[in-house]
Structures are given as C-alpha cells and as structure tokens.
Amino acid sequence: MFDIHKAIDEFVYSKFTNKSNEIYILKGFYDININDSVYYRINMMAIKKQTLIIYRLNSRMLSLGIDKIYRISVFSDYRKLNFRINARQ
C-alpha cells in the first residue's frame, strides 16, 4: 500500500484528526498528480474510511479508495496561505 502521509507531509500546514477522519490543510495551492491524473490548485485533502478526498476551495474534486493509489506527487505552488490571528481588544 502506498504511504500517502510520506508523500504530502512537507506540504501540510495543519492536520486535524478524529476517530475516522484525517483532514490536511495544505500550505498553499498545488497541482497534485494522483496515479496518472493531474488535479489543479488543490488546497485540502481528507482521508475518510479508507478513501482519499481532495478539495479545491471547498469543492470536492476527487474521491478515490486508498488501495487504488500507487503514486502521488505534488508540484506547482501557486501561492502561500497567510493566516493572521488578531487578538480582540
């Protein structure tokens, strides 16, 4: 089985997990090659019940069983996310 975590780890800004879900917010927008298909400007990925789901600005782009994935590569960073938290006064 392909290790998805190792392939995307350096591009992850934040990770949220619970019993059945793992959600990855990426550091920016990336083109991601999964198997032999390229998906453009991806900024979030989730693993739910052994299914990889990729998102582009809250729109689901792909759902694919983890056991069907044999290659993932990440390239083409479009822009960095800039999160700022301001304290209330």
PDB file of N, CA and C in Angstrom:
ATOM      1  N   MET A   1       0.838  -1.188   0.000  1.00  0.00           N
ATOM      2  CA  MET A   1       0.000   0.000   0.000  1.00  0.00           C
ATOM      3  C   MET A   1       0.879   1.245   0.000  1.00  0.00           C
ATOM      4  N   PHE A   2       0.494   2.240  -0.777  1.00  0.00           N
ATOM      5  CA  PHE A   2       1.240   3.487  -0.908  1.00  0.00           C
ATOM      6  C   PHE A   2       1.068   4.345   0.346  1.00  0.00           C
ATOM      7  N   ASP A   3       2.157   4.957   0.819  1.00  0.00           N
ATOM      8  CA  ASP A   3       2.113   5.795   2.025  1.00  0.00           C
ATOM      9  C   ASP A   3       1.814   7.243   1.628  1.00  0.00           C
ATOM     10  N   ILE A   4       0.566   7.635   1.744  1.00  0.00           N
ATOM     11  CA  ILE A   4       0.139   8.986   1.368  1.00  0.00           C
ATOM     12  C   ILE A   4       0.758  10.028   2.289  1.00  0.00           C
ATOM     13  N   HIS A   5       0.853   9.717   3.577  1.00  0.00           N
ATOM     14  CA  HIS A   5       1.378  10.676   4.556  1.00  0.00           C
ATOM     15  C   HIS A   5       2.795  11.105   4.216  1.00  0.00           C
ATOM     16  N   LYS A   6       3.624  10.184   3.809  1.00  0.00           N
ATOM     17  CA  LYS A   6       5.011  10.499   3.484  1.00  0.00           C
ATOM     18  C   LYS A   6       5.093  11.404   2.249  1.00  0.00           C
ATOM     19  N   ALA A   7       4.196  11.208   1.291  1.00  0.00           N
ATOM     20  CA  ALA A   7       4.213  11.988   0.052  1.00  0.00           C
ATOM     21  C   ALA A   7       3.776  13.435   0.256  1.00  0.00           C
ATOM     22  N   ILE A   8       2.844  13.684   1.183  1.00  0.00           N
ATOM     23  CA  ILE A   8       2.310  15.043   1.337  1.00  0.00           C
ATOM     24  C   ILE A   8       2.780  15.757   2.593  1.00  0.00           C
ATOM     25  N   ASP A   9       3.535  15.096   3.444  1.00  0.00           N
ATOM     26  CA  ASP A   9       3.896  15.645   4.755  1.00  0.00           C
ATOM     27  C   ASP A   9       4.559  17.017   4.683  1.00  0.00           C
ATOM     28  N   GLU A  10       5.449  17.248   3.750  1.00  0.00           N
ATOM     29  CA  GLU A  10       6.156  18.534   3.694  1.00  0.00           C
ATOM     30  C   GLU A  10       5.272  19.673   3.189  1.00  0.00           C
ATOM     31  N   PHE A  11       4.105  19.376   2.644  1.00  0.00           N
ATOM     32  CA  PHE A  11       3.207  20.389   2.108  1.00  0.00           C
ATOM     33  C   PHE A  11       2.029  20.697   3.036  1.00  0.00           C
ATOM     34  N   VAL A  12       1.952  20.038   4.176  1.00  0.00           N
ATOM     35  CA  VAL A  12       0.821  20.178   5.095  1.00  0.00           C
ATOM     36  C   VAL A  12       1.049  21.342   6.050  1.00  0.00           C
ATOM     37  N   TYR A  13       0.065  22.241   6.095  1.00  0.00           N
ATOM     38  CA  TYR A  13       0.098  23.359   7.031  1.00  0.00           C
ATOM     39  C   TYR A  13      -0.466  22.936   8.382  1.00  0.00           C
ATOM     40  N   SER A  14      -1.590  22.215   8.348  1.00  0.00           N
ATOM     41  CA  SER A  14      -2.241  21.797   9.577  1.00  0.00           C
ATOM     42  C   SER A  14      -2.961  20.476   9.345  1.00  0.00           C
ATOM     43  N   LYS A  15      -3.041  19.669  10.410  1.00  0.00           N
ATOM     44  CA  LYS A  15      -3.690  18.365  10.332  1.00  0.00           C
ATOM     45  C   LYS A  15      -4.693  18.246  11.471  1.00  0.00           C
ATOM     46  N   PHE A  16      -5.908  17.801  11.145  1.00  0.00           N
ATOM     47  CA  PHE A  16      -6.954  17.574  12.134  1.00  0.00           C
ATOM     48  C   PHE A  16      -7.359  16.112  12.051  1.00  0.00           C
ATOM     49  N   THR A  17      -7.448  15.449  13.195  1.00  0.00           N
ATOM     50  CA  THR A  17      -7.821  14.038  13.193  1.00  0.00           C
ATOM     51  C   THR A  17      -8.874  13.764  14.259  1.00  0.00           C
ATOM     52  N   ASN A  18      -9.679  12.762  13.990  1.00  0.00           N
ATOM     53  CA  ASN A  18     -10.562  12.188  14.992  1.00  0.00           C
ATOM     54  C   ASN A  18     -10.594  10.687  14.720  1.00  0.00           C
ATOM     55  N   LYS A  19     -11.567   9.966  15.231  1.00  0.00           N
ATOM     56  CA  LYS A  19     -11.547   8.506  15.137  1.00  0.00           C
ATOM     57  C   LYS A  19     -11.556   7.992  13.706  1.00  0.00           C
ATOM     58  N   SER A  20     -12.285   8.614  12.811  1.00  0.00           N
ATOM     59  CA  SER A  20     -12.401   8.071  11.451  1.00  0.00           C
ATOM     60  C   SER A  20     -11.944   9.011  10.344  1.00  0.00           C
ATOM     61  N   ASN A  21     -11.540  10.227  10.669  1.00  0.00           N
ATOM     62  CA  ASN A  21     -11.167  11.209   9.649  1.00  0.00           C
ATOM     63  C   ASN A  21      -9.795  11.806   9.906  1.00  0.00           C
ATOM     64  N   GLU A  22      -9.092  12.107   8.819  1.00  0.00           N
ATOM     65  CA  GLU A  22      -7.866  12.892   8.864  1.00  0.00           C
ATOM     66  C   GLU A  22      -8.027  13.988   7.823  1.00  0.00           C
ATOM     67  N   ILE A  23      -7.887  15.242   8.230  1.00  0.00           N
ATOM     68  CA  ILE A  23      -8.032  16.367   7.317  1.00  0.00           C
ATOM     69  C   ILE A  23      -6.706  17.119   7.281  1.00  0.00           C
ATOM     70  N   TYR A  24      -6.226  17.380   6.060  1.00  0.00           N
ATOM     71  CA  TYR A  24      -4.953  18.058   5.851  1.00  0.00           C
ATOM     72  C   TYR A  24      -5.197  19.370   5.127  1.00  0.00           C
ATOM     73  N   ILE A  25      -4.842  20.487   5.757  1.00  0.00           N
ATOM     74  CA  ILE A  25      -4.861  21.793   5.108  1.00  0.00           C
ATOM     75  C   ILE A  25      -3.450  22.012   4.575  1.00  0.00           C
ATOM     76  N   LEU A  26      -3.332  22.255   3.280  1.00  0.00           N
ATOM     77  CA  LEU A  26      -2.019  22.410   2.664  1.00  0.00           C
ATOM     78  C   LEU A  26      -1.507  23.833   2.834  1.00  0.00           C
ATOM     79  N   LYS A  27      -0.200  24.013   2.682  1.00  0.00           N
ATOM     80  CA  LYS A  27       0.439  25.318   2.862  1.00  0.00           C
ATOM     81  C   LYS A  27       0.064  26.314   1.779  1.00  0.00           C
ATOM     82  N   GLY A  28      -0.400  25.847   0.660  1.00  0.00           N
ATOM     83  CA  GLY A  28      -0.779  26.715  -0.452  1.00  0.00           C
ATOM     84  C   GLY A  28      -1.658  25.943  -1.406  1.00  0.00           C
ATOM     85  N   PHE A  29      -1.674  26.364  -2.646  1.00  0.00           N
ATOM     86  CA  PHE A  29      -2.436  25.672  -3.682  1.00  0.00           C
ATOM     87  C   PHE A  29      -1.447  24.938  -4.577  1.00  0.00           C
ATOM     88  N   TYR A  30      -1.676  23.660  -4.788  1.00  0.00           N
ATOM     89  CA  TYR A  30      -0.727  22.820  -5.509  1.00  0.00           C
ATOM     90  C   TYR A  30      -1.424  22.034  -6.615  1.00  0.00           C
ATOM     91  N   ASP A  31      -0.644  21.719  -7.658  1.00  0.00           N
ATOM     92  CA  ASP A  31      -1.065  20.715  -8.626  1.00  0.00           C
ATOM     93  C   ASP A  31      -0.622  19.377  -8.067  1.00  0.00           C
ATOM     94  N   ILE A  32      -1.529  18.413  -8.048  1.00  0.00           N
ATOM     95  CA  ILE A  32      -1.228  17.109  -7.472  1.00  0.00           C
ATOM     96  C   ILE A  32      -1.469  16.041  -8.526  1.00  0.00           C
ATOM     97  N   ASN A  33      -0.472  15.204  -8.727  1.00  0.00           N
ATOM     98  CA  ASN A  33      -0.566  14.086  -9.659  1.00  0.00           C
ATOM     99  C   ASN A  33      -0.904  12.843  -8.843  1.00  0.00           C
ATOM    100  N   ILE A  34      -2.087  12.285  -9.069  1.00  0.00           N
ATOM    101  CA  ILE A  34      -2.501  11.057  -8.396  1.00  0.00           C
ATOM    102  C   ILE A  34      -2.662   9.991  -9.464  1.00  0.00           C
ATOM    103  N   ASN A  35      -1.890   8.919  -9.313  1.00  0.00           N
ATOM    104  CA  ASN A  35      -1.779   7.870 -10.319  1.00  0.00           C
ATOM    105  C   ASN A  35      -1.310   8.508 -11.622  1.00  0.00           C
ATOM    106  N   ASP A  36      -2.131   8.672 -12.617  1.00  0.00           N
ATOM    107  CA  ASP A  36      -1.689   9.313 -13.861  1.00  0.00           C
ATOM    108  C   ASP A  36      -2.562  10.505 -14.225  1.00  0.00           C
ATOM    109  N   SER A  37      -3.269  11.076 -13.260  1.00  0.00           N
ATOM    110  CA  SER A  37      -4.136  12.228 -13.491  1.00  0.00           C
ATOM    111  C   SER A  37      -3.652  13.400 -12.652  1.00  0.00           C
ATOM    112  N   VAL A  38      -3.727  14.604 -13.228  1.00  0.00           N
ATOM    113  CA  VAL A  38      -3.302  15.810 -12.534  1.00  0.00           C
ATOM    114  C   VAL A  38      -4.539  16.606 -12.126  1.00  0.00           C
ATOM    115  N   TYR A  39      -4.556  17.037 -10.860  1.00  0.00           N
ATOM    116  CA  TYR A  39      -5.631  17.853 -10.320  1.00  0.00           C
ATOM    117  C   TYR A  39      -5.024  19.191  -9.920  1.00  0.00           C
ATOM    118  N   TYR A  40      -5.639  20.287 -10.366  1.00  0.00           N
ATOM    119  CA  TYR A  40      -5.044  21.609 -10.263  1.00  0.00           C
ATOM    120  C   TYR A  40      -5.564  22.393  -9.069  1.00  0.00           C
ATOM    121  N   ARG A  41      -4.658  23.177  -8.485  1.00  0.00           N
ATOM    122  CA  ARG A  41      -4.948  24.124  -7.406  1.00  0.00           C
ATOM    123  C   ARG A  41      -5.675  23.496  -6.222  1.00  0.00           C
ATOM    124  N   ILE A  42      -5.103  22.437  -5.706  1.00  0.00           N
ATOM    125  CA  ILE A  42      -5.659  21.718  -4.566  1.00  0.00           C
ATOM    126  C   ILE A  42      -5.145  22.365  -3.282  1.00  0.00           C
ATOM    127  N   ASN A  43      -6.042  22.589  -2.292  1.00  0.00           N
ATOM    128  CA  ASN A  43      -5.603  23.194  -1.038  1.00  0.00           C
ATOM    129  C   ASN A  43      -5.996  22.394   0.202  1.00  0.00           C
ATOM    130  N   MET A  44      -6.726  21.279   0.023  1.00  0.00           N
ATOM    131  CA  MET A  44      -7.115  20.479   1.176  1.00  0.00           C
ATOM    132  C   MET A  44      -7.300  19.025   0.753  1.00  0.00           C
ATOM    133  N   MET A  45      -6.917  18.117   1.656  1.00  0.00           N
ATOM    134  CA  MET A  45      -7.099  16.692   1.425  1.00  0.00           C
ATOM    135  C   MET A  45      -7.674  16.082   2.693  1.00  0.00           C
ATOM    136  N   ALA A  46      -8.455  15.012   2.525  1.00  0.00           N
ATOM    137  CA  ALA A  46      -9.024  14.317   3.676  1.00  0.00           C
ATOM    138  C   ALA A  46      -8.979  12.820   3.417  1.00  0.00           C
ATOM    139  N   ILE A  47      -8.812  12.064   4.489  1.00  0.00           N
ATOM    140  CA  ILE A  47      -8.901  10.611   4.420  1.00  0.00           C
ATOM    141  C   ILE A  47     -10.048  10.209   5.339  1.00  0.00           C
ATOM    142  N   LYS A  48     -11.088   9.637   4.731  1.00  0.00           N
ATOM    143  CA  LYS A  48     -12.273   9.217   5.478  1.00  0.00           C
ATOM    144  C   LYS A  48     -12.609   7.792   5.077  1.00  0.00           C
ATOM    145  N   LYS A  49     -12.623   6.893   6.043  1.00  0.00           N
ATOM    146  CA  LYS A  49     -12.986   5.494   5.808  1.00  0.00           C
ATOM    147  C   LYS A  49     -12.230   4.892   4.621  1.00  0.00           C
ATOM    148  N   GLN A  50     -10.911   5.013   4.638  1.00  0.00           N
ATOM    149  CA  GLN A  50     -10.028   4.453   3.604  1.00  0.00           C
ATOM    150  C   GLN A  50     -10.289   5.041   2.216  1.00  0.00           C
ATOM    151  N   THR A  51     -10.770   6.285   2.171  1.00  0.00           N
ATOM    152  CA  THR A  51     -10.984   6.993   0.919  1.00  0.00           C
ATOM    153  C   THR A  51     -10.261   8.330   0.981  1.00  0.00           C
ATOM    154  N   LEU A  52      -9.471   8.635  -0.053  1.00  0.00           N
ATOM    155  CA  LEU A  52      -8.804   9.923  -0.165  1.00  0.00           C
ATOM    156  C   LEU A  52      -9.735  10.870  -0.903  1.00  0.00           C
ATOM    157  N   ILE A  53      -9.969  12.039  -0.316  1.00  0.00           N
ATOM    158  CA  ILE A  53     -10.809  13.062  -0.929  1.00  0.00           C
ATOM    159  C   ILE A  53      -9.964  14.313  -1.063  1.00  0.00           C
ATOM    160  N   ILE A  54      -9.924  14.889  -2.264  1.00  0.00           N
ATOM    161  CA  ILE A  54      -9.174  16.135  -2.448  1.00  0.00           C
ATOM    162  C   ILE A  54     -10.156  17.255  -2.766  1.00  0.00           C
ATOM    163  N   TYR A  55      -9.814  18.458  -2.279  1.00  0.00           N
ATOM    164  CA  TYR A  55     -10.681  19.625  -2.408  1.00  0.00           C
ATOM    165  C   TYR A  55      -9.926  20.789  -3.023  1.00  0.00           C
ATOM    166  N   ARG A  56     -10.690  21.609  -3.730  1.00  0.00           N
ATOM    167  CA  ARG A  56     -10.184  22.895  -4.224  1.00  0.00           C
ATOM    168  C   ARG A  56     -11.204  23.937  -3.792  1.00  0.00           C
ATOM    169  N   LEU A  57     -10.824  24.786  -2.846  1.00  0.00           N
ATOM    170  CA  LEU A  57     -11.704  25.838  -2.326  1.00  0.00           C
ATOM    171  C   LEU A  57     -13.094  25.310  -1.988  1.00  0.00           C
ATOM    172  N   ASN A  58     -13.130  24.318  -1.122  1.00  0.00           N
ATOM    173  CA  ASN A  58     -14.358  23.704  -0.602  1.00  0.00           C
ATOM    174  C   ASN A  58     -15.176  22.935  -1.626  1.00  0.00           C
ATOM    175  N   SER A  59     -14.635  22.695  -2.806  1.00  0.00           N
ATOM    176  CA  SER A  59     -15.313  21.868  -3.800  1.00  0.00           C
ATOM    177  C   SER A  59     -14.597  20.530  -3.886  1.00  0.00           C
ATOM    178  N   ARG A  60     -15.335  19.465  -3.783  1.00  0.00           N
ATOM    179  CA  ARG A  60     -14.741  18.128  -3.854  1.00  0.00           C
ATOM    180  C   ARG A  60     -14.328  17.854  -5.292  1.00  0.00           C
ATOM    181  N   MET A  61     -13.052  17.497  -5.468  1.00  0.00           N
ATOM    182  CA  MET A  61     -12.526  17.230  -6.800  1.00  0.00           C
ATOM    183  C   MET A  61     -12.438  15.743  -7.105  1.00  0.00           C
ATOM    184  N   LEU A  62     -12.161  14.927  -6.091  1.00  0.00           N
ATOM    185  CA  LEU A  62     -11.915  13.510  -6.325  1.00  0.00           C
ATOM    186  C   LEU A  62     -12.153  12.726  -5.053  1.00  0.00           C
ATOM    187  N   SER A  63     -12.728  11.556  -5.195  1.00  0.00           N
ATOM    188  CA  SER A  63     -12.797  10.568  -4.122  1.00  0.00           C
ATOM    189  C   SER A  63     -12.248   9.276  -4.695  1.00  0.00           C
ATOM    190  N   LEU A  64     -11.253   8.716  -4.018  1.00  0.00           N
ATOM    191  CA  LEU A  64     -10.586   7.532  -4.534  1.00  0.00           C
ATOM    192  C   LEU A  64     -10.168   6.654  -3.364  1.00  0.00           C
ATOM    193  N   GLY A  65     -10.421   5.359  -3.461  1.00  0.00           N
ATOM    194  CA  GLY A  65     -10.001   4.431  -2.422  1.00  0.00           C
ATOM    195  C   GLY A  65      -8.490   4.408  -2.277  1.00  0.00           C
ATOM    196  N   ILE A  66      -8.012   4.402  -1.049  1.00  0.00           N
ATOM    197  CA  ILE A  66      -6.571   4.431  -0.795  1.00  0.00           C
ATOM    198  C   ILE A  66      -5.867   3.229  -1.417  1.00  0.00           C
ATOM    199  N   ASP A  67      -6.523   2.090  -1.455  1.00  0.00           N
ATOM    200  CA  ASP A  67      -5.893   0.896  -2.020  1.00  0.00           C
ATOM    201  C   ASP A  67      -5.703   0.983  -3.533  1.00  0.00           C
ATOM    202  N   LYS A  68      -6.341   1.955  -4.202  1.00  0.00           N
ATOM    203  CA  LYS A  68      -6.192   2.137  -5.644  1.00  0.00           C
ATOM    204  C   LYS A  68      -5.092   3.130  -6.006  1.00  0.00           C
ATOM    205  N   ILE A  69      -4.482   3.774  -5.006  1.00  0.00           N
ATOM    206  CA  ILE A  69      -3.451   4.783  -5.256  1.00  0.00           C
ATOM    207  C   ILE A  69      -2.082   4.119  -5.283  1.00  0.00           C
ATOM    208  N   TYR A  70      -1.344   4.366  -6.345  1.00  0.00           N
ATOM    209  CA  TYR A  70       0.014   3.836  -6.435  1.00  0.00           C
ATOM    210  C   TYR A  70       1.061   4.937  -6.595  1.00  0.00           C
ATOM    211  N   ARG A  71       0.636   6.178  -6.805  1.00  0.00           N
ATOM    212  CA  ARG A  71       1.605   7.265  -6.911  1.00  0.00           C
ATOM    213  C   ARG A  71       0.936   8.598  -6.612  1.00  0.00           C
ATOM    214  N   ILE A  72       1.625   9.439  -5.830  1.00  0.00           N
ATOM    215  CA  ILE A  72       1.215  10.828  -5.604  1.00  0.00           C
ATOM    216  C   ILE A  72       2.463  11.690  -5.694  1.00  0.00           C
ATOM    217  N   SER A  73       2.376  12.757  -6.473  1.00  0.00           N
ATOM    218  CA  SER A  73       3.440  13.749  -6.476  1.00  0.00           C
ATOM    219  C   SER A  73       2.803  15.131  -6.438  1.00  0.00           C
ATOM    220  N   VAL A  74       3.464  16.049  -5.752  1.00  0.00           N
ATOM    221  CA  VAL A  74       2.942  17.391  -5.537  1.00  0.00           C
ATOM    222  C   VAL A  74       3.909  18.369  -6.181  1.00  0.00           C
ATOM    223  N   PHE A  75       3.364  19.325  -6.932  1.00  0.00           N
ATOM    224  CA  PHE A  75       4.216  20.321  -7.580  1.00  0.00           C
ATOM    225  C   PHE A  75       3.407  21.581  -7.859  1.00  0.00           C
ATOM    226  N   SER A  76       4.045  22.611  -8.346  1.00  0.00           N
ATOM    227  CA  SER A  76       3.434  23.884  -8.745  1.00  0.00           C
ATOM    228  C   SER A  76       2.677  24.573  -7.624  1.00  0.00           C
ATOM    229  N   ASP A  77       3.412  25.211  -6.730  1.00  0.00           N
ATOM    230  CA  ASP A  77       2.827  26.001  -5.651  1.00  0.00           C
ATOM    231  C   ASP A  77       2.365  27.331  -6.233  1.00  0.00           C
ATOM    232  N   TYR A  78       1.064  27.622  -6.157  1.00  0.00           N
ATOM    233  CA  TYR A  78       0.534  28.855  -6.734  1.00  0.00           C
ATOM    234  C   TYR A  78       0.696  30.050  -5.820  1.00  0.00           C
ATOM    235  N   ARG A  79       0.366  29.881  -4.556  1.00  0.00           N
ATOM    236  CA  ARG A  79       0.533  30.971  -3.603  1.00  0.00           C
ATOM    237  C   ARG A  79       0.494  30.400  -2.202  1.00  0.00           C
ATOM    238  N   LYS A  80       1.110  31.093  -1.292  1.00  0.00           N
ATOM    239  CA  LYS A  80       1.123  30.662   0.101  1.00  0.00           C
ATOM    240  C   LYS A  80      -0.101  31.200   0.821  1.00  0.00           C
ATOM    241  N   LEU A  81      -0.623  30.411   1.738  1.00  0.00           N
ATOM    242  CA  LEU A  81      -1.706  30.886   2.575  1.00  0.00           C
ATOM    243  C   LEU A  81      -1.139  31.804   3.638  1.00  0.00           C
ATOM    244  N   ASN A  82      -1.890  32.809   4.003  1.00  0.00           N
ATOM    245  CA  ASN A  82      -1.431  33.759   5.008  1.00  0.00           C
ATOM    246  C   ASN A  82      -2.508  33.873   6.080  1.00  0.00           C
ATOM    247  N   PHE A  83      -2.340  33.116   7.150  1.00  0.00           N
ATOM    248  CA  PHE A  83      -3.299  33.151   8.243  1.00  0.00           C
ATOM    249  C   PHE A  83      -2.804  34.130   9.295  1.00  0.00           C
ATOM    250  N   ARG A  84      -3.655  35.063   9.640  1.00  0.00           N
ATOM    251  CA  ARG A  84      -3.317  36.010  10.704  1.00  0.00           C
ATOM    252  C   ARG A  84      -4.434  35.963  11.748  1.00  0.00           C
ATOM    253  N   ILE A  85      -4.033  35.866  12.981  1.00  0.00           N
ATOM    254  CA  ILE A  85      -4.994  35.861  14.085  1.00  0.00           C
ATOM    255  C   ILE A  85      -4.747  37.117  14.890  1.00  0.00           C
ATOM    256  N   ASN A  86      -5.739  37.947  14.937  1.00  0.00           N
ATOM    257  CA  ASN A  86      -5.628  39.198  15.682  1.00  0.00           C
ATOM    258  C   ASN A  86      -6.393  39.061  16.992  1.00  0.00           C
ATOM    259  N   ALA A  87      -5.791  39.540  18.041  1.00  0.00           N
ATOM    260  CA  ALA A  87      -6.451  39.496  19.349  1.00  0.00           C
ATOM    261  C   ALA A  87      -7.552  40.539  19.409  1.00  0.00           C
ATOM    262  N   ARG A  88      -8.624  40.172  20.057  1.00  0.00           N
ATOM    263  CA  ARG A  88      -9.717  41.152  20.256  1.00  0.00           C
ATOM    264  C   ARG A  88      -9.325  42.142  21.314  1.00  0.00           C
ATOM    265  N   GLN A  89      -9.806  43.331  21.135  1.00  0.00           N
ATOM    266  CA  GLN A  89      -9.488  44.374  22.110  1.00  0.00           C
ATOM    267  C   GLN A  89     -10.697  44.726  22.918  1.00  0.00           C
TER     268      GLN A  89
END
